[in-house]
Amino acid sequence: MAENLDATDWAILVELQRDGRIPLTELGRRVNLSSSAATERVRRLESAGVITGYRAEVDLEKVGFTVLAIVRLKYPGNRHEPLHQLLAQRTEILECLRTTGDDCYTLKVAAASMRHLERLVGELAEFGSTTTNIVYSRTLPYRGPRQAPDA
């Protein structure tokens, strides 16, 4: 589908990544389309699986998660289901990426305190060795792609 995205599709994606709740009339105005044309483009991007959902960004500190960490996990086993079950149960684990290199998984974790983080990392350590980095600040928050990749 990426090769079928034109400049207007990319403009729509940029606007929706900035504000997923933008009214379609305003979206159309910003990308130089009528409201109905913008609506149709958004529906096409959704049905093609380019737009996979809409969600609210939450200030973690304001909801009690004052510690943000990156946890890398070396997982020596071949059965990943028990780890996947823990990942599904622990809502403090915000994101998990399966990676190459020395570490098998990289996790983004939010905790209410250092003690909370220590308990969570202890649970993860049952699956293999862990390395934990505390996040001081977000220098560049997630922003999503803004244009087609250079191939």
N, C-alpha and C. Protein backbone atom coordinates (compact mmCIF):
# COMPACT_ATOMS: atom_id res chain seq x y z
N MET A 1 0.82 -1.20 0.00
CA MET A 1 0.00 0.00 0.00
C MET A 1 0.87 1.26 0.00
N ALA A 2 2.08 1.20 0.60
CA ALA A 2 2.91 2.41 0.72
C ALA A 2 3.17 3.06 -0.62
N GLU A 3 3.37 2.24 -1.63
CA GLU A 3 3.64 2.82 -2.95
C GLU A 3 2.40 3.49 -3.55
N ASN A 4 1.23 3.19 -2.99
CA ASN A 4 -0.01 3.79 -3.49
C ASN A 4 -0.39 5.07 -2.74
N LEU A 5 0.37 5.44 -1.74
CA LEU A 5 0.06 6.64 -0.98
C LEU A 5 0.56 7.86 -1.73
N ASP A 6 -0.33 8.81 -1.92
CA ASP A 6 0.10 10.05 -2.59
C ASP A 6 0.35 11.13 -1.55
N ALA A 7 0.70 12.31 -2.00
CA ALA A 7 1.02 13.41 -1.08
C ALA A 7 -0.16 13.77 -0.19
N THR A 8 -1.37 13.66 -0.70
CA THR A 8 -2.55 13.97 0.11
C THR A 8 -2.74 12.93 1.20
N ASP A 9 -2.53 11.66 0.87
CA ASP A 9 -2.61 10.61 1.89
C ASP A 9 -1.61 10.88 3.01
N TRP A 10 -0.39 11.23 2.62
CA TRP A 10 0.64 11.52 3.63
C TRP A 10 0.26 12.74 4.46
N ALA A 11 -0.32 13.75 3.85
CA ALA A 11 -0.76 14.93 4.58
C ALA A 11 -1.84 14.55 5.60
N ILE A 12 -2.74 13.68 5.20
CA ILE A 12 -3.78 13.19 6.11
C ILE A 12 -3.16 12.44 7.29
N LEU A 13 -2.20 11.57 6.99
CA LEU A 13 -1.54 10.81 8.05
C LEU A 13 -0.83 11.73 9.05
N VAL A 14 -0.17 12.74 8.54
CA VAL A 14 0.52 13.70 9.41
C VAL A 14 -0.48 14.39 10.33
N GLU A 15 -1.57 14.88 9.76
CA GLU A 15 -2.58 15.58 10.57
C GLU A 15 -3.21 14.66 11.61
N LEU A 16 -3.53 13.43 11.22
CA LEU A 16 -4.16 12.50 12.17
C LEU A 16 -3.19 12.07 13.26
N GLN A 17 -1.89 12.00 12.94
CA GLN A 17 -0.91 11.68 13.98
C GLN A 17 -0.73 12.85 14.95
N ARG A 18 -0.92 14.05 14.47
CA ARG A 18 -0.88 15.22 15.37
C ARG A 18 -2.11 15.26 16.27
N ASP A 19 -3.27 14.95 15.68
CA ASP A 19 -4.53 15.03 16.42
C ASP A 19 -5.51 14.02 15.82
N GLY A 20 -5.63 12.87 16.46
CA GLY A 20 -6.53 11.83 15.98
C GLY A 20 -8.00 12.17 16.11
N ARG A 21 -8.30 13.25 16.83
CA ARG A 21 -9.70 13.66 17.04
C ARG A 21 -10.08 14.86 16.17
N ILE A 22 -9.25 15.21 15.23
CA ILE A 22 -9.55 16.36 14.37
C ILE A 22 -10.86 16.10 13.62
N PRO A 23 -11.76 17.05 13.61
CA PRO A 23 -13.00 16.86 12.83
C PRO A 23 -12.64 16.71 11.34
N LEU A 24 -13.38 15.86 10.66
CA LEU A 24 -13.08 15.60 9.25
C LEU A 24 -13.22 16.84 8.38
N THR A 25 -14.10 17.76 8.78
CA THR A 25 -14.21 19.02 8.01
C THR A 25 -12.91 19.82 8.13
N GLU A 26 -12.34 19.87 9.33
CA GLU A 26 -11.08 20.58 9.55
C GLU A 26 -9.93 19.84 8.86
N LEU A 27 -9.94 18.52 8.93
CA LEU A 27 -8.92 17.74 8.25
C LEU A 27 -8.94 18.04 6.75
N GLY A 28 -10.12 18.02 6.18
CA GLY A 28 -10.26 18.33 4.76
C GLY A 28 -9.72 19.72 4.43
N ARG A 29 -10.04 20.68 5.27
CA ARG A 29 -9.56 22.05 5.04
C ARG A 29 -8.03 22.09 5.04
N ARG A 30 -7.42 21.39 6.00
CA ARG A 30 -5.95 21.41 6.13
C ARG A 30 -5.23 20.73 4.98
N VAL A 31 -5.89 19.74 4.36
CA VAL A 31 -5.24 19.02 3.26
C VAL A 31 -5.86 19.36 1.90
N ASN A 32 -6.66 20.42 1.87
CA ASN A 32 -7.28 20.91 0.63
C ASN A 32 -8.21 19.90 -0.03
N LEU A 33 -9.07 19.29 0.79
CA LEU A 33 -10.10 18.38 0.29
C LEU A 33 -11.44 18.78 0.89
N SER A 34 -12.51 18.39 0.22
CA SER A 34 -13.82 18.56 0.82
C SER A 34 -13.94 17.60 2.00
N SER A 35 -14.90 17.86 2.86
CA SER A 35 -15.14 17.00 4.00
C SER A 35 -15.42 15.56 3.57
N SER A 36 -16.24 15.40 2.55
CA SER A 36 -16.59 14.04 2.09
C SER A 36 -15.37 13.34 1.46
N ALA A 37 -14.55 14.09 0.73
CA ALA A 37 -13.35 13.48 0.14
C ALA A 37 -12.36 13.08 1.23
N ALA A 38 -12.22 13.92 2.26
CA ALA A 38 -11.33 13.59 3.37
C ALA A 38 -11.84 12.35 4.11
N THR A 39 -13.15 12.29 4.32
CA THR A 39 -13.76 11.14 4.98
C THR A 39 -13.49 9.87 4.19
N GLU A 40 -13.65 9.93 2.88
CA GLU A 40 -13.42 8.76 2.03
C GLU A 40 -11.95 8.33 2.07
N ARG A 41 -11.05 9.28 2.04
CA ARG A 41 -9.61 8.96 2.10
C ARG A 41 -9.27 8.28 3.44
N VAL A 42 -9.79 8.82 4.54
CA VAL A 42 -9.53 8.23 5.85
C VAL A 42 -10.08 6.82 5.90
N ARG A 43 -11.30 6.61 5.42
CA ARG A 43 -11.89 5.25 5.42
C ARG A 43 -11.06 4.29 4.59
N ARG A 44 -10.54 4.77 3.44
CA ARG A 44 -9.70 3.92 2.59
C ARG A 44 -8.40 3.55 3.31
N LEU A 45 -7.78 4.52 3.99
CA LEU A 45 -6.55 4.25 4.73
C LEU A 45 -6.80 3.29 5.90
N GLU A 46 -7.97 3.41 6.53
CA GLU A 46 -8.32 2.48 7.60
C GLU A 46 -8.56 1.08 7.06
N SER A 47 -9.33 0.96 5.99
CA SER A 47 -9.64 -0.37 5.46
C SER A 47 -8.41 -1.06 4.87
N ALA A 48 -7.44 -0.27 4.40
CA ALA A 48 -6.21 -0.85 3.88
C ALA A 48 -5.24 -1.23 5.00
N GLY A 49 -5.58 -0.87 6.24
CA GLY A 49 -4.72 -1.21 7.37
C GLY A 49 -3.57 -0.24 7.58
N VAL A 50 -3.56 0.87 6.84
CA VAL A 50 -2.52 1.89 7.04
C VAL A 50 -2.76 2.58 8.38
N ILE A 51 -3.99 2.98 8.64
CA ILE A 51 -4.37 3.52 9.94
C ILE A 51 -4.91 2.34 10.75
N THR A 52 -4.23 2.04 11.85
CA THR A 52 -4.59 0.85 12.62
C THR A 52 -5.37 1.15 13.88
N GLY A 53 -5.53 2.42 14.23
CA GLY A 53 -6.30 2.74 15.42
C GLY A 53 -6.07 4.18 15.84
N TYR A 54 -6.79 4.56 16.88
CA TYR A 54 -6.70 5.90 17.46
C TYR A 54 -6.60 5.71 18.96
N ARG A 55 -5.74 6.50 19.60
CA ARG A 55 -5.61 6.38 21.04
C ARG A 55 -5.25 7.72 21.66
N ALA A 56 -5.47 7.81 22.94
CA ALA A 56 -5.12 9.02 23.68
C ALA A 56 -3.70 8.89 24.20
N GLU A 57 -2.95 9.98 24.16
CA GLU A 57 -1.64 10.02 24.81
C GLU A 57 -1.88 10.46 26.24
N VAL A 58 -1.30 9.73 27.17
CA VAL A 58 -1.51 9.98 28.59
C VAL A 58 -0.20 10.44 29.21
N ASP A 59 -0.25 11.49 30.02
CA ASP A 59 0.92 11.94 30.77
C ASP A 59 1.13 10.95 31.90
N LEU A 60 2.17 10.13 31.80
CA LEU A 60 2.38 9.05 32.76
C LEU A 60 2.52 9.55 34.19
N GLU A 61 3.23 10.65 34.38
CA GLU A 61 3.40 11.19 35.73
C GLU A 61 2.07 11.59 36.36
N LYS A 62 1.18 12.16 35.55
CA LYS A 62 -0.10 12.63 36.10
C LYS A 62 -1.03 11.49 36.49
N VAL A 63 -0.75 10.28 36.01
CA VAL A 63 -1.56 9.13 36.40
C VAL A 63 -0.79 8.19 37.33
N GLY A 64 0.33 8.69 37.89
CA GLY A 64 1.02 7.95 38.93
C GLY A 64 2.20 7.10 38.51
N PHE A 65 2.58 7.13 37.25
CA PHE A 65 3.73 6.36 36.79
C PHE A 65 4.91 7.33 36.61
N THR A 66 5.69 7.50 37.67
CA THR A 66 6.73 8.52 37.68
C THR A 66 8.08 8.03 37.15
N VAL A 67 8.21 6.72 36.96
CA VAL A 67 9.47 6.15 36.47
C VAL A 67 9.23 5.50 35.12
N LEU A 68 9.98 5.94 34.13
CA LEU A 68 9.93 5.33 32.80
C LEU A 68 11.28 4.67 32.56
N ALA A 69 11.25 3.44 32.08
CA ALA A 69 12.50 2.71 31.88
C ALA A 69 12.46 1.90 30.60
N ILE A 70 13.64 1.62 30.10
CA ILE A 70 13.83 0.70 28.99
C ILE A 70 14.50 -0.53 29.58
N VAL A 71 13.90 -1.69 29.37
CA VAL A 71 14.45 -2.94 29.89
C VAL A 71 14.78 -3.83 28.69
N ARG A 72 16.03 -4.27 28.65
CA ARG A 72 16.44 -5.20 27.60
C ARG A 72 16.54 -6.58 28.23
N LEU A 73 16.04 -7.57 27.51
CA LEU A 73 15.98 -8.93 28.04
C LEU A 73 16.66 -9.90 27.09
N LYS A 74 17.62 -10.65 27.62
CA LYS A 74 18.23 -11.76 26.88
C LYS A 74 17.43 -12.99 27.27
N TYR A 75 16.78 -13.60 26.30
CA TYR A 75 15.89 -14.74 26.58
C TYR A 75 16.50 -15.98 25.96
N PRO A 76 17.09 -16.86 26.77
CA PRO A 76 17.80 -18.01 26.21
C PRO A 76 16.90 -19.13 25.72
N GLY A 77 15.65 -19.12 26.10
CA GLY A 77 14.76 -20.24 25.75
C GLY A 77 14.16 -20.13 24.37
N ASN A 78 13.52 -21.20 23.94
CA ASN A 78 12.83 -21.24 22.65
C ASN A 78 11.32 -21.10 22.80
N ARG A 79 10.81 -21.31 24.00
CA ARG A 79 9.37 -21.19 24.23
C ARG A 79 9.08 -19.80 24.76
N HIS A 80 8.50 -19.00 23.93
CA HIS A 80 8.25 -17.61 24.30
C HIS A 80 6.85 -17.38 24.88
N GLU A 81 5.99 -18.39 24.86
CA GLU A 81 4.62 -18.21 25.33
C GLU A 81 4.53 -17.75 26.78
N PRO A 82 5.32 -18.34 27.71
CA PRO A 82 5.22 -17.85 29.11
C PRO A 82 5.58 -16.37 29.24
N LEU A 83 6.58 -15.93 28.52
CA LEU A 83 6.94 -14.51 28.53
C LEU A 83 5.81 -13.68 27.93
N HIS A 84 5.25 -14.14 26.83
CA HIS A 84 4.15 -13.40 26.20
C HIS A 84 2.94 -13.29 27.13
N GLN A 85 2.71 -14.32 27.94
CA GLN A 85 1.62 -14.26 28.92
C GLN A 85 1.87 -13.18 29.97
N LEU A 86 3.12 -13.10 30.45
CA LEU A 86 3.46 -12.06 31.41
C LEU A 86 3.29 -10.68 30.77
N LEU A 87 3.73 -10.53 29.54
CA LEU A 87 3.60 -9.25 28.84
C LEU A 87 2.14 -8.84 28.73
N ALA A 88 1.27 -9.79 28.47
CA ALA A 88 -0.16 -9.48 28.34
C ALA A 88 -0.77 -9.10 29.68
N GLN A 89 -0.27 -9.68 30.77
CA GLN A 89 -0.84 -9.43 32.10
C GLN A 89 -0.36 -8.13 32.72
N ARG A 90 0.88 -7.75 32.47
CA ARG A 90 1.48 -6.60 33.14
C ARG A 90 1.26 -5.33 32.34
N THR A 91 0.30 -4.54 32.76
CA THR A 91 -0.05 -3.33 32.02
C THR A 91 1.01 -2.24 32.13
N GLU A 92 1.97 -2.41 33.04
CA GLU A 92 3.06 -1.44 33.16
C GLU A 92 4.01 -1.54 31.97
N ILE A 93 3.96 -2.66 31.27
CA ILE A 93 4.81 -2.85 30.09
C ILE A 93 4.07 -2.20 28.93
N LEU A 94 4.55 -1.05 28.49
CA LEU A 94 3.86 -0.24 27.50
C LEU A 94 4.12 -0.71 26.08
N GLU A 95 5.30 -1.27 25.86
CA GLU A 95 5.67 -1.69 24.51
C GLU A 95 6.75 -2.75 24.63
N CYS A 96 6.73 -3.71 23.71
CA CYS A 96 7.75 -4.76 23.68
C CYS A 96 8.13 -4.99 22.22
N LEU A 97 9.41 -4.93 21.97
CA LEU A 97 9.93 -5.14 20.62
C LEU A 97 10.84 -6.37 20.62
N ARG A 98 10.65 -7.27 19.69
CA ARG A 98 11.55 -8.41 19.50
C ARG A 98 12.69 -7.90 18.64
N THR A 99 13.93 -8.05 19.11
CA THR A 99 15.06 -7.42 18.44
C THR A 99 16.17 -8.41 18.12
N THR A 100 17.07 -7.96 17.26
CA THR A 100 18.27 -8.73 16.94
C THR A 100 19.39 -8.27 17.87
N GLY A 101 20.52 -8.96 17.81
CA GLY A 101 21.66 -8.57 18.63
C GLY A 101 21.70 -9.38 19.91
N ASP A 102 22.42 -8.85 20.89
CA ASP A 102 22.59 -9.56 22.16
C ASP A 102 21.28 -9.73 22.93
N ASP A 103 20.41 -8.74 22.83
CA ASP A 103 19.14 -8.80 23.55
C ASP A 103 18.05 -9.32 22.62
N CYS A 104 17.13 -10.08 23.18
CA CYS A 104 16.03 -10.62 22.38
C CYS A 104 14.82 -9.70 22.39
N TYR A 105 14.63 -8.99 23.49
CA TYR A 105 13.47 -8.12 23.64
C TYR A 105 13.91 -6.78 24.22
N THR A 106 13.25 -5.72 23.78
CA THR A 106 13.42 -4.39 24.37
C THR A 106 12.03 -3.93 24.78
N LEU A 107 11.90 -3.58 26.06
CA LEU A 107 10.59 -3.22 26.62
C LEU A 107 10.61 -1.79 27.13
N LYS A 108 9.52 -1.10 26.92
CA LYS A 108 9.30 0.23 27.50
C LYS A 108 8.35 0.01 28.67
N VAL A 109 8.80 0.42 29.86
CA VAL A 109 8.09 0.10 31.09
C VAL A 109 7.82 1.37 31.89
N ALA A 110 6.61 1.49 32.42
CA ALA A 110 6.24 2.60 33.30
C ALA A 110 6.00 2.03 34.69
N ALA A 111 6.58 2.67 35.71
CA ALA A 111 6.42 2.20 37.08
C ALA A 111 6.05 3.36 37.99
N ALA A 112 5.39 3.03 39.08
CA ALA A 112 4.96 4.05 40.03
C ALA A 112 6.11 4.50 40.93
N SER A 113 7.13 3.65 41.08
CA SER A 113 8.26 3.96 41.95
C SER A 113 9.43 3.07 41.54
N MET A 114 10.59 3.35 42.13
CA MET A 114 11.74 2.50 41.87
C MET A 114 11.50 1.09 42.42
N ARG A 115 10.83 0.99 43.56
CA ARG A 115 10.52 -0.32 44.13
C ARG A 115 9.60 -1.11 43.18
N HIS A 116 8.62 -0.44 42.61
CA HIS A 116 7.71 -1.06 41.65
C HIS A 116 8.50 -1.55 40.44
N LEU A 117 9.41 -0.71 39.93
CA LEU A 117 10.25 -1.10 38.79
C LEU A 117 11.11 -2.30 39.16
N GLU A 118 11.67 -2.30 40.35
CA GLU A 118 12.53 -3.40 40.78
C GLU A 118 11.75 -4.72 40.80
N ARG A 119 10.52 -4.70 41.29
CA ARG A 119 9.69 -5.92 41.31
C ARG A 119 9.40 -6.40 39.89
N LEU A 120 9.06 -5.46 39.01
CA LEU A 120 8.74 -5.82 37.63
C LEU A 120 9.96 -6.39 36.92
N VAL A 121 11.11 -5.75 37.08
CA VAL A 121 12.33 -6.26 36.45
C VAL A 121 12.68 -7.62 37.03
N GLY A 122 12.42 -7.82 38.32
CA GLY A 122 12.64 -9.13 38.92
C GLY A 122 11.80 -10.21 38.26
N GLU A 123 10.56 -9.88 37.94
CA GLU A 123 9.70 -10.84 37.24
C GLU A 123 10.25 -11.15 35.85
N LEU A 124 10.70 -10.11 35.16
CA LEU A 124 11.27 -10.31 33.82
C LEU A 124 12.57 -11.11 33.88
N ALA A 125 13.35 -10.92 34.94
CA ALA A 125 14.63 -11.62 35.09
C ALA A 125 14.45 -13.12 35.24
N GLU A 126 13.25 -13.56 35.57
CA GLU A 126 12.99 -15.01 35.63
C GLU A 126 13.09 -15.65 34.25
N PHE A 127 13.02 -14.83 33.20
CA PHE A 127 13.07 -15.34 31.84
C PHE A 127 14.46 -15.24 31.23
N GLY A 128 15.36 -14.49 31.86
CA GLY A 128 16.72 -14.32 31.34
C GLY A 128 17.35 -13.10 31.97
N SER A 129 18.53 -12.75 31.49
CA SER A 129 19.21 -11.59 32.07
C SER A 129 18.63 -10.29 31.53
N THR A 130 18.60 -9.28 32.39
CA THR A 130 18.03 -8.00 32.02
C THR A 130 19.05 -6.89 32.19
N THR A 131 18.87 -5.84 31.43
CA THR A 131 19.60 -4.58 31.58
C THR A 131 18.54 -3.49 31.59
N THR A 132 18.61 -2.61 32.57
CA THR A 132 17.58 -1.58 32.72
C THR A 132 18.21 -0.20 32.62
N ASN A 133 17.57 0.67 31.84
CA ASN A 133 17.96 2.07 31.74
C ASN A 133 16.77 2.93 32.16
N ILE A 134 17.01 3.88 33.05
CA ILE A 134 15.98 4.82 33.48
C ILE A 134 15.96 5.97 32.47
N VAL A 135 14.77 6.38 32.07
CA VAL A 135 14.61 7.49 31.13
C VAL A 135 14.55 8.79 31.91
N TYR A 136 15.46 9.72 31.61
CA TYR A 136 15.43 11.04 32.23
C TYR A 136 14.33 11.90 31.63
N SER A 137 14.28 11.92 30.28
CA SER A 137 13.29 12.74 29.59
C SER A 137 13.12 12.23 28.17
N ARG A 138 12.05 12.66 27.53
CA ARG A 138 11.80 12.30 26.13
C ARG A 138 12.30 13.45 25.26
N THR A 139 13.46 13.27 24.67
CA THR A 139 14.04 14.29 23.82
C THR A 139 13.23 14.45 22.54
N LEU A 140 12.78 13.34 21.99
CA LEU A 140 11.95 13.35 20.79
C LEU A 140 10.81 12.36 21.02
N PRO A 141 9.62 12.86 21.35
CA PRO A 141 8.49 11.93 21.55
C PRO A 141 8.12 11.25 20.24
N TYR A 142 7.42 10.13 20.38
CA TYR A 142 6.97 9.43 19.18
C TYR A 142 6.16 10.37 18.32
N ARG A 143 6.45 10.35 17.02
CA ARG A 143 5.72 11.26 16.13
C ARG A 143 5.21 10.58 14.87
N GLY A 144 5.60 9.35 14.61
CA GLY A 144 5.12 8.64 13.44
C GLY A 144 5.79 9.12 12.17
N PRO A 145 5.69 8.35 11.12
CA PRO A 145 6.30 8.74 9.84
C PRO A 145 5.61 9.95 9.24
N ARG A 146 6.37 10.77 8.55
CA ARG A 146 5.86 12.00 7.94
C ARG A 146 5.88 11.97 6.42
N GLN A 147 6.58 10.97 5.86
CA GLN A 147 6.65 10.87 4.40
C GLN A 147 7.02 9.45 4.04
N ALA A 148 6.91 9.13 2.77
CA ALA A 148 7.26 7.80 2.28
C ALA A 148 8.74 7.54 2.51
N PRO A 149 9.10 6.29 2.80
CA PRO A 149 10.51 5.97 3.01
C PRO A 149 11.29 6.08 1.71
N ASP A 150 12.56 6.45 1.83
CA ASP A 150 13.45 6.44 0.67
C ASP A 150 13.88 5.00 0.46
N ALA A 151 13.51 4.45 -0.68
CA ALA A 151 13.81 3.03 -0.90
C ALA A 151 15.04 2.81 -1.73
